[in-house]
Protein backbone atom coordinates (compact mmCIF):
# COMPACT_ATOMS: atom_id res chain seq x y z
CA MET A 1 5.98 7.31 19.81
CA SER A 2 6.51 9.82 22.55
CA ASN A 3 4.87 13.15 22.49
CA ASN A 4 5.10 16.34 24.45
CA PHE A 5 1.82 16.00 26.43
CA ASP A 6 2.66 15.86 30.12
CA THR A 7 -0.26 14.14 31.72
CA VAL A 8 1.05 14.73 35.31
CA ALA A 9 1.36 18.47 34.75
CA PHE A 10 -2.05 18.58 33.12
CA MET A 11 -3.51 16.65 36.05
CA ASP A 12 -1.85 18.93 38.64
CA THR A 13 -3.30 21.96 36.79
CA LEU A 14 -6.78 20.52 36.91
CA VAL A 15 -6.49 19.52 40.57
CA GLU A 16 -5.23 23.05 41.40
CA SER A 17 -8.21 24.56 39.63
CA GLY A 18 -10.78 22.44 41.54
CA PHE A 19 -11.10 19.12 39.81
CA SER A 20 -10.95 16.05 42.08
CA GLU A 21 -7.90 13.75 41.62
CA ARG A 22 -10.17 11.16 40.03
CA GLN A 23 -11.73 13.57 37.57
CA ALA A 24 -8.29 14.90 36.66
CA LYS A 25 -6.90 11.45 36.03
CA ALA A 26 -9.91 10.48 33.80
CA LEU A 27 -9.70 13.67 31.80
CA ALA A 28 -5.94 13.42 31.34
CA SER A 29 -6.24 9.85 30.25
CA ALA A 30 -9.06 10.58 27.75
CA LEU A 31 -7.15 13.55 26.30
CA TYR A 32 -3.89 11.50 26.06
CA GLN A 33 -5.78 8.72 24.13
CA LEU A 34 -7.29 11.38 21.84
CA ILE A 35 -4.00 12.99 21.12
CA GLU A 36 -2.31 9.57 20.49
CA SER A 37 -5.09 8.52 18.07
CA GLN A 38 -5.02 11.72 16.11
CA LEU A 39 -1.30 12.45 16.07
CA VAL A 40 0.42 12.45 12.66
CA THR A 41 3.99 11.15 12.97
CA LYS A 42 6.93 11.93 10.77
CA HIS A 43 6.83 8.33 9.55
CA ASP A 44 3.17 8.81 8.57
CA LEU A 45 4.02 11.95 6.57
CA GLU A 46 6.96 10.17 4.87
CA LEU A 47 4.66 7.27 3.78
CA ALA A 48 2.02 9.63 2.47
CA PHE A 49 4.62 11.62 0.58
CA ALA A 50 6.12 8.49 -0.88
CA LYS A 51 2.69 7.33 -2.13
CA PHE A 52 2.04 10.78 -3.62
CA GLU A 53 5.43 10.79 -5.26
CA LEU A 54 4.89 7.41 -6.80
CA LYS A 55 1.48 8.45 -8.18
CA MET A 56 2.92 11.63 -9.65
CA VAL A 57 5.74 9.69 -11.40
CA SER A 58 3.13 7.26 -12.71
CA TYR A 59 0.94 10.08 -14.04
CA MET A 60 3.91 11.84 -15.69
CA PHE A 61 5.04 8.55 -17.33
CA THR A 62 1.54 7.93 -18.60
CA SER A 63 1.25 11.45 -19.81
CA LEU A 64 4.54 11.17 -21.70
CA LEU A 65 3.45 7.95 -23.32
CA LEU A 66 0.09 9.47 -24.33
CA GLN A 67 1.82 12.55 -25.74
CA SER A 68 4.33 10.37 -27.70
CA GLY A 69 1.41 8.42 -29.10
CA VAL A 70 -0.56 11.41 -30.17
CA THR A 71 2.57 12.94 -31.74
CA ALA A 72 3.25 9.73 -33.65
CA VAL A 73 -0.31 9.54 -34.95
CA LEU A 74 -0.28 13.20 -35.97
CA PHE A 75 3.07 12.89 -37.65
CA LYS A 76 1.76 9.88 -39.71
CA LEU A 77 -1.49 11.65 -40.63
CA LEU A 78 0.34 14.86 -41.77
CA HIS A 79 3.05 13.15 -43.83
């Protein structure tokens, strides 16, 4: 997955503001790894939404069955 974090530009900014090249490279690398590990992709969101959608359909179906059962029992008791 590609992201918009430009490590070279980030390193250049750090070097221009007084960081050594080695410090800038280490910080850019650490920040890149953090971003990559925490980044949510479109695919991640699609999977989460699909799981949520499946659970909601399951709950709705269960609720419908339960309501039908209660209605049938009440109908039998009242007639």
